Amino acid sequence: MTDITMNRDTQISPDTAPDTAIARRAMIDSQLRTSGVNEEYVLARMLAVPRENFLPADKASQAYIDRMVVLGGPGHAGGHLASPLFYGKLLLEAAPAPTDRVLVVEGGTGYLAELLRPLVAALETASADDAATGKLVPAAPFSLIVVDGAIERLPEALTAHLAEDGRIVSGLLLRQVTRLAAGRKIGGRVALQPFEDLGIPVLHAFAARKGWSFA
């Protein structure tokens, strides 16, 4: 388990900072509010955290588009920055509380963790590979797990780290369609219930085993 910090490859100069602040405000007004994301804590965090800080320099101009930005290529390990609407809807459904102990399953940038960090009591991060295979530092149980991407299976290696009555919010790949989904641990079991179709990057570490699916 690692604590991912902001990508410092892209620094905002005083000359460009006002332009990016305007872009964040436009993102909120045109992508979030128009799609029903109006909770103040969500909008405040997404206004405060510059998306371009989590992208390499050659991708920074794509920070506020309404689609995911795929990372990769020479000098970068890969991953994704999902669409603003995905993060807005995810935060809205997660409803983080000041008492929450949170695990963020990362998509490769650290952006989601930075959005959540000031809203909760404690936060840990894990790569998708580590979360899918159970290679996690013993910091459980967590009252909230959020996944930065869509999963095709929900392994016990991950749900074992969720406290009883704890919540999980994630993307879900179901019949080749990505959806937002949420669940709660009751009686030691967790079932994800999809609630909205949305374009979400797929985390291949959580691919379904052959012959198995959520269907």
C-alpha atoms as a PDB file:
ATOM      1  CA  MET A   1       0.000   0.000   0.000  1.00  0.00           C
ATOM      2  CA  THR A   2       1.374   3.383  -0.938  1.00  0.00           C
ATOM      3  CA  ASP A   3       0.443   6.975  -0.331  1.00  0.00           C
ATOM      4  CA  ILE A   4       0.430   8.577  -3.791  1.00  0.00           C
ATOM      5  CA  THR A   5       1.116  12.301  -3.949  1.00  0.00           C
ATOM      6  CA  MET A   6       0.576  14.809  -6.698  1.00  0.00           C
ATOM      7  CA  ASN A   7       2.569  14.552  -9.898  1.00  0.00           C
ATOM      8  CA  ARG A   8       4.995  17.468  -9.802  1.00  0.00           C
ATOM      9  CA  ASP A   9       6.007  17.171 -13.462  1.00  0.00           C
ATOM     10  CA  THR A  10       3.432  19.816 -14.343  1.00  0.00           C
ATOM     11  CA  GLN A  11       3.887  22.986 -12.321  1.00  0.00           C
ATOM     12  CA  ILE A  12       1.429  25.863 -12.584  1.00  0.00           C
ATOM     13  CA  SER A  13       3.099  29.210 -13.075  1.00  0.00           C
ATOM     14  CA  PRO A  14       1.537  32.489 -11.938  1.00  0.00           C
ATOM     15  CA  ASP A  15       0.826  33.242 -15.602  1.00  0.00           C
ATOM     16  CA  THR A  16      -1.202  30.067 -16.200  1.00  0.00           C
ATOM     17  CA  ALA A  17      -2.895  29.651 -12.794  1.00  0.00           C
ATOM     18  CA  PRO A  18      -5.784  32.066 -13.533  1.00  0.00           C
ATOM     19  CA  ASP A  19      -6.573  30.247 -16.785  1.00  0.00           C
ATOM     20  CA  THR A  20      -6.717  26.856 -15.055  1.00  0.00           C
ATOM     21  CA  ALA A  21      -8.908  28.254 -12.278  1.00  0.00           C
ATOM     22  CA  ILE A  22     -11.324  29.486 -14.950  1.00  0.00           C
ATOM     23  CA  ALA A  23     -11.219  26.039 -16.567  1.00  0.00           C
ATOM     24  CA  ARG A  24     -12.088  24.383 -13.250  1.00  0.00           C
ATOM     25  CA  ARG A  25     -15.019  26.735 -12.743  1.00  0.00           C
ATOM     26  CA  ALA A  26     -16.242  25.983 -16.283  1.00  0.00           C
ATOM     27  CA  MET A  27     -15.870  22.249 -15.576  1.00  0.00           C
ATOM     28  CA  ILE A  28     -18.099  22.599 -12.522  1.00  0.00           C
ATOM     29  CA  ASP A  29     -20.730  24.684 -14.271  1.00  0.00           C
ATOM     30  CA  SER A  30     -20.878  22.787 -17.570  1.00  0.00           C
ATOM     31  CA  GLN A  31     -20.071  19.183 -16.581  1.00  0.00           C
ATOM     32  CA  LEU A  32     -21.062  18.718 -12.935  1.00  0.00           C
ATOM     33  CA  ARG A  33     -23.980  21.016 -12.125  1.00  0.00           C
ATOM     34  CA  THR A  34     -25.739  20.180 -15.383  1.00  0.00           C
ATOM     35  CA  SER A  35     -25.531  16.472 -14.464  1.00  0.00           C
ATOM     36  CA  GLY A  36     -26.972  16.836 -10.976  1.00  0.00           C
ATOM     37  CA  VAL A  37     -23.755  17.164  -8.979  1.00  0.00           C
ATOM     38  CA  ASN A  38     -24.489  20.143  -6.735  1.00  0.00           C
ATOM     39  CA  GLU A  39     -23.305  19.135  -3.257  1.00  0.00           C
ATOM     40  CA  GLU A  40     -21.036  21.857  -1.937  1.00  0.00           C
ATOM     41  CA  TYR A  41     -18.338  19.541  -0.556  1.00  0.00           C
ATOM     42  CA  VAL A  42     -17.949  17.878  -3.969  1.00  0.00           C
ATOM     43  CA  LEU A  43     -17.792  21.130  -5.919  1.00  0.00           C
ATOM     44  CA  ALA A  44     -15.439  22.750  -3.402  1.00  0.00           C
ATOM     45  CA  ARG A  45     -12.909  19.920  -3.603  1.00  0.00           C
ATOM     46  CA  MET A  46     -13.030  19.724  -7.393  1.00  0.00           C
ATOM     47  CA  LEU A  47     -12.585  23.474  -7.621  1.00  0.00           C
ATOM     48  CA  ALA A  48      -9.648  23.387  -5.189  1.00  0.00           C
ATOM     49  CA  VAL A  49      -7.637  20.544  -6.750  1.00  0.00           C
ATOM     50  CA  PRO A  50      -6.017  21.280 -10.152  1.00  0.00           C
ATOM     51  CA  ARG A  51      -6.412  18.225 -12.392  1.00  0.00           C
ATOM     52  CA  GLU A  52      -3.425  19.259 -14.498  1.00  0.00           C
ATOM     53  CA  ASN A  53      -1.120  18.707 -11.503  1.00  0.00           C
ATOM     54  CA  PHE A  54      -1.785  14.986 -11.854  1.00  0.00           C
ATOM     55  CA  LEU A  55      -0.913  14.772 -15.541  1.00  0.00           C
ATOM     56  CA  PRO A  56       2.426  14.825 -17.356  1.00  0.00           C
ATOM     57  CA  ALA A  57       3.214  18.045 -19.204  1.00  0.00           C
ATOM     58  CA  ASP A  58       2.213  16.672 -22.600  1.00  0.00           C
ATOM     59  CA  LYS A  59      -1.287  15.803 -21.312  1.00  0.00           C
ATOM     60  CA  ALA A  60      -1.963  18.900 -19.182  1.00  0.00           C
ATOM     61  CA  SER A  61      -3.992  20.624 -21.899  1.00  0.00           C
ATOM     62  CA  GLN A  62      -6.532  17.767 -21.665  1.00  0.00           C
ATOM     63  CA  ALA A  63      -7.135  18.182 -17.929  1.00  0.00           C
ATOM     64  CA  TYR A  64     -10.663  19.609 -18.209  1.00  0.00           C
ATOM     65  CA  ILE A  65     -12.121  17.716 -21.150  1.00  0.00           C
ATOM     66  CA  ASP A  66     -15.278  15.712 -20.442  1.00  0.00           C
ATOM     67  CA  ARG A  67     -13.577  12.352 -21.034  1.00  0.00           C
ATOM     68  CA  MET A  68     -10.874  10.325 -19.365  1.00  0.00           C
ATOM     69  CA  VAL A  69      -7.230  11.041 -20.113  1.00  0.00           C
ATOM     70  CA  VAL A  70      -5.205   7.882 -20.721  1.00  0.00           C
ATOM     71  CA  LEU A  71      -1.632   8.060 -19.511  1.00  0.00           C
ATOM     72  CA  GLY A  72       1.324   6.130 -20.813  1.00  0.00           C
ATOM     73  CA  GLY A  73       4.116   6.302 -23.294  1.00  0.00           C
ATOM     74  CA  PRO A  74       7.831   6.872 -22.731  1.00  0.00           C
ATOM     75  CA  GLY A  75       8.708   7.989 -19.222  1.00  0.00           C
ATOM     76  CA  HIS A  76       5.294   7.340 -17.668  1.00  0.00           C
ATOM     77  CA  ALA A  77       4.050   4.229 -15.914  1.00  0.00           C
ATOM     78  CA  GLY A  78       0.514   4.471 -17.286  1.00  0.00           C
ATOM     79  CA  GLY A  79      -2.875   4.753 -15.670  1.00  0.00           C
ATOM     80  CA  HIS A  80      -5.689   7.213 -16.225  1.00  0.00           C
ATOM     81  CA  LEU A  81      -7.373  10.370 -15.057  1.00  0.00           C
ATOM     82  CA  ALA A  82     -11.101   9.684 -15.357  1.00  0.00           C
ATOM     83  CA  SER A  83     -13.658  12.259 -16.445  1.00  0.00           C
ATOM     84  CA  PRO A  84     -14.655  15.046 -14.037  1.00  0.00           C
ATOM     85  CA  LEU A  85     -18.205  13.667 -13.976  1.00  0.00           C
ATOM     86  CA  PHE A  86     -16.990  10.263 -12.778  1.00  0.00           C
ATOM     87  CA  TYR A  87     -15.185  11.814  -9.808  1.00  0.00           C
ATOM     88  CA  GLY A  88     -18.094  14.119  -9.027  1.00  0.00           C
ATOM     89  CA  LYS A  89     -20.626  11.276  -9.034  1.00  0.00           C
ATOM     90  CA  LEU A  90     -18.246   9.002  -7.103  1.00  0.00           C
ATOM     91  CA  LEU A  91     -17.754  11.569  -4.330  1.00  0.00           C
ATOM     92  CA  LEU A  92     -21.465  12.270  -4.224  1.00  0.00           C
ATOM     93  CA  GLU A  93     -22.345   8.603  -3.762  1.00  0.00           C
ATOM     94  CA  ALA A  94     -19.501   7.966  -1.296  1.00  0.00           C
ATOM     95  CA  ALA A  95     -20.709  10.773   1.007  1.00  0.00           C
ATOM     96  CA  PRO A  96     -17.428  10.780   2.979  1.00  0.00           C
ATOM     97  CA  ALA A  97     -17.730  11.597   6.677  1.00  0.00           C
ATOM     98  CA  PRO A  98     -15.112  13.191   8.972  1.00  0.00           C
ATOM     99  CA  THR A  99     -14.927   9.908  10.915  1.00  0.00           C
ATOM    100  CA  ASP A 100     -14.321   7.679   7.871  1.00  0.00           C
ATOM    101  CA  ARG A 101     -11.210   5.557   7.450  1.00  0.00           C
ATOM    102  CA  VAL A 102     -10.839   5.323   3.678  1.00  0.00           C
ATOM    103  CA  LEU A 103      -9.013   3.085   1.230  1.00  0.00           C
ATOM    104  CA  VAL A 104      -8.583   4.480  -2.282  1.00  0.00           C
ATOM    105  CA  VAL A 105      -7.825   1.931  -4.999  1.00  0.00           C
ATOM    106  CA  GLU A 106      -5.798   4.079  -7.360  1.00  0.00           C
ATOM    107  CA  GLY A 107      -6.063   4.627 -11.087  1.00  0.00           C
ATOM    108  CA  GLY A 108      -2.457   5.775 -11.311  1.00  0.00           C
ATOM    109  CA  THR A 109      -2.470   9.528 -10.608  1.00  0.00           C
ATOM    110  CA  GLY A 110      -3.398  10.179  -6.963  1.00  0.00           C
ATOM    111  CA  TYR A 111      -6.125  12.670  -7.916  1.00  0.00           C
ATOM    112  CA  LEU A 112      -8.999  10.866  -6.194  1.00  0.00           C
ATOM    113  CA  ALA A 113      -7.024  10.525  -2.969  1.00  0.00           C
ATOM    114  CA  GLU A 114      -6.282  14.247  -2.996  1.00  0.00           C
ATOM    115  CA  LEU A 115      -9.966  15.048  -3.443  1.00  0.00           C
ATOM    116  CA  LEU A 116     -10.919  12.900  -0.455  1.00  0.00           C
ATOM    117  CA  ARG A 117      -8.062  13.484   1.980  1.00  0.00           C
ATOM    118  CA  PRO A 118      -9.354  16.631   3.763  1.00  0.00           C
ATOM    119  CA  LEU A 119     -12.860  15.182   4.095  1.00  0.00           C
ATOM    120  CA  VAL A 120     -12.044  12.084   6.160  1.00  0.00           C
ATOM    121  CA  ALA A 121     -10.239  10.997   9.328  1.00  0.00           C
ATOM    122  CA  ALA A 122      -7.637   8.761   7.665  1.00  0.00           C
ATOM    123  CA  LEU A 123      -6.831   7.700   4.118  1.00  0.00           C
ATOM    124  CA  GLU A 124      -4.678   4.975   2.605  1.00  0.00           C
ATOM    125  CA  THR A 125      -4.076   4.185  -1.037  1.00  0.00           C
ATOM    126  CA  ALA A 126      -3.317   0.983  -2.898  1.00  0.00           C
ATOM    127  CA  SER A 127      -2.554   0.183  -6.505  1.00  0.00           C
ATOM    128  CA  ALA A 128      -5.156  -1.791  -8.418  1.00  0.00           C
ATOM    129  CA  ASP A 129      -2.779  -4.762  -8.643  1.00  0.00           C
ATOM    130  CA  ASP A 130      -2.189  -4.833  -4.883  1.00  0.00           C
ATOM    131  CA  ALA A 131      -5.864  -4.375  -4.048  1.00  0.00           C
ATOM    132  CA  ALA A 132      -6.949  -7.144  -6.418  1.00  0.00           C
ATOM    133  CA  THR A 133      -4.475  -9.661  -5.009  1.00  0.00           C
ATOM    134  CA  GLY A 134      -4.655  -8.759  -1.324  1.00  0.00           C
ATOM    135  CA  LYS A 135      -1.153  -7.299  -1.067  1.00  0.00           C
ATOM    136  CA  LEU A 136      -2.266  -4.614   1.380  1.00  0.00           C
ATOM    137  CA  VAL A 137      -0.616  -3.277   4.505  1.00  0.00           C
ATOM    138  CA  PRO A 138      -2.747  -4.273   7.533  1.00  0.00           C
ATOM    139  CA  ALA A 139      -4.542  -0.953   8.060  1.00  0.00           C
ATOM    140  CA  ALA A 140      -8.027  -2.417   7.928  1.00  0.00           C
ATOM    141  CA  PRO A 141     -10.840  -2.267   8.613  1.00  0.00           C
ATOM    142  CA  PHE A 142     -11.913   0.649   6.444  1.00  0.00           C
ATOM    143  CA  SER A 143     -15.340   2.231   6.715  1.00  0.00           C
ATOM    144  CA  LEU A 144     -15.205   3.316   3.058  1.00  0.00           C
ATOM    145  CA  ILE A 145     -13.464   1.929  -0.025  1.00  0.00           C
ATOM    146  CA  VAL A 146     -13.521   3.898  -3.274  1.00  0.00           C
ATOM    147  CA  VAL A 147     -12.184   2.550  -6.554  1.00  0.00           C
ATOM    148  CA  ASP A 148     -10.788   4.853  -9.240  1.00  0.00           C
ATOM    149  CA  GLY A 149     -12.062   2.867 -12.203  1.00  0.00           C
ATOM    150  CA  ALA A 150     -14.371   0.052 -13.264  1.00  0.00           C
ATOM    151  CA  ILE A 151     -13.930  -3.494 -11.990  1.00  0.00           C
ATOM    152  CA  GLU A 152     -15.322  -6.699 -13.464  1.00  0.00           C
ATOM    153  CA  ARG A 153     -15.094  -8.708 -10.247  1.00  0.00           C
ATOM    154  CA  LEU A 154     -15.035  -7.766  -6.569  1.00  0.00           C
ATOM    155  CA  PRO A 155     -12.474 -10.049  -4.916  1.00  0.00           C
ATOM    156  CA  GLU A 156     -12.685 -11.175  -1.306  1.00  0.00           C
ATOM    157  CA  ALA A 157      -9.079 -10.011  -1.001  1.00  0.00           C
ATOM    158  CA  LEU A 158     -10.454  -6.461  -1.167  1.00  0.00           C
ATOM    159  CA  THR A 159     -13.774  -6.792   0.669  1.00  0.00           C
ATOM    160  CA  ALA A 160     -11.986  -8.430   3.605  1.00  0.00           C
ATOM    161  CA  HIS A 161     -10.562  -4.974   4.343  1.00  0.00           C
ATOM    162  CA  LEU A 162     -14.012  -3.385   4.582  1.00  0.00           C
ATOM    163  CA  ALA A 163     -15.566  -3.042   8.032  1.00  0.00           C
ATOM    164  CA  GLU A 164     -19.005  -4.471   8.745  1.00  0.00           C
ATOM    165  CA  ASP A 165     -21.583  -1.913   7.553  1.00  0.00           C
ATOM    166  CA  GLY A 166     -18.798  -0.216   5.568  1.00  0.00           C
ATOM    167  CA  ARG A 167     -19.463   1.178   2.093  1.00  0.00           C
ATOM    168  CA  ILE A 168     -17.756   0.649  -1.242  1.00  0.00           C
ATOM    169  CA  VAL A 169     -18.211   2.823  -4.333  1.00  0.00           C
ATOM    170  CA  SER A 170     -16.689   1.832  -7.654  1.00  0.00           C
ATOM    171  CA  GLY A 171     -17.102   1.626 -11.358  1.00  0.00           C
ATOM    172  CA  LEU A 172     -18.420  -1.732 -12.542  1.00  0.00           C
ATOM    173  CA  LEU A 173     -17.978  -3.428 -15.916  1.00  0.00           C
ATOM    174  CA  LEU A 174     -21.160  -5.392 -16.558  1.00  0.00           C
ATOM    175  CA  ARG A 175     -21.936  -6.948 -19.943  1.00  0.00           C
ATOM    176  CA  GLN A 176     -19.329  -4.691 -21.576  1.00  0.00           C
ATOM    177  CA  VAL A 177     -20.974  -1.531 -20.196  1.00  0.00           C
ATOM    178  CA  THR A 178     -19.381   0.537 -17.426  1.00  0.00           C
ATOM    179  CA  ARG A 179     -21.617   1.752 -14.629  1.00  0.00           C
ATOM    180  CA  LEU A 180     -21.252   3.422 -11.264  1.00  0.00           C
ATOM    181  CA  ALA A 181     -22.034   1.006  -8.448  1.00  0.00           C
ATOM    182  CA  ALA A 182     -22.189   0.995  -4.667  1.00  0.00           C
ATOM    183  CA  GLY A 183     -22.508  -1.580  -1.927  1.00  0.00           C
ATOM    184  CA  ARG A 184     -22.428  -2.114   1.820  1.00  0.00           C
ATOM    185  CA  LYS A 185     -20.954  -4.957   3.874  1.00  0.00           C
ATOM    186  CA  ILE A 186     -23.743  -6.779   5.684  1.00  0.00           C
ATOM    187  CA  GLY A 187     -23.212 -10.087   7.439  1.00  0.00           C
ATOM    188  CA  GLY A 188     -19.702 -10.252   6.023  1.00  0.00           C
ATOM    189  CA  ARG A 189     -20.902 -10.054   2.419  1.00  0.00           C
ATOM    190  CA  VAL A 190     -20.775  -7.245  -0.143  1.00  0.00           C
ATOM    191  CA  ALA A 191     -22.845  -6.917  -3.313  1.00  0.00           C
ATOM    192  CA  LEU A 192     -22.314  -4.059  -5.741  1.00  0.00           C
ATOM    193  CA  GLN A 193     -25.500  -2.513  -7.113  1.00  0.00           C
ATOM    194  CA  PRO A 194     -25.113  -0.484 -10.328  1.00  0.00           C
ATOM    195  CA  PHE A 195     -27.024   2.788 -10.381  1.00  0.00           C
ATOM    196  CA  GLU A 196     -25.868   4.816 -13.397  1.00  0.00           C
ATOM    197  CA  ASP A 197     -24.268   4.154 -16.785  1.00  0.00           C
ATOM    198  CA  LEU A 198     -21.134   6.232 -17.256  1.00  0.00           C
ATOM    199  CA  GLY A 199     -17.913   6.054 -19.231  1.00  0.00           C
ATOM    200  CA  ILE A 200     -15.311   4.765 -16.749  1.00  0.00           C
ATOM    201  CA  PRO A 201     -11.742   3.513 -17.293  1.00  0.00           C
ATOM    202  CA  VAL A 202     -11.492  -0.249 -16.743  1.00  0.00           C
ATOM    203  CA  LEU A 203      -9.015  -1.595 -14.180  1.00  0.00           C
ATOM    204  CA  HIS A 204      -7.707  -4.772 -15.793  1.00  0.00           C
ATOM    205  CA  ALA A 205      -6.338  -6.064 -12.480  1.00  0.00           C
ATOM    206  CA  PHE A 206      -9.985  -6.790 -11.601  1.00  0.00           C
ATOM    207  CA  ALA A 207     -10.828  -8.655 -14.814  1.00  0.00           C
ATOM    208  CA  ALA A 208     -13.279 -11.527 -14.350  1.00  0.00           C
ATOM    209  CA  ARG A 209     -11.883 -15.012 -14.228  1.00  0.00           C
ATOM    210  CA  LYS A 210     -12.791 -17.096 -17.248  1.00  0.00           C
ATOM    211  CA  GLY A 211     -16.363 -18.309 -16.942  1.00  0.00           C
ATOM    212  CA  TRP A 212     -17.270 -15.824 -14.177  1.00  0.00           C
ATOM    213  CA  SER A 213     -19.063 -12.489 -14.238  1.00  0.00           C
ATOM    214  CA  PHE A 214     -21.464 -10.266 -12.280  1.00  0.00           C
ATOM    215  CA  ALA A 215     -24.309 -11.332 -14.594  1.00  0.00           C
END
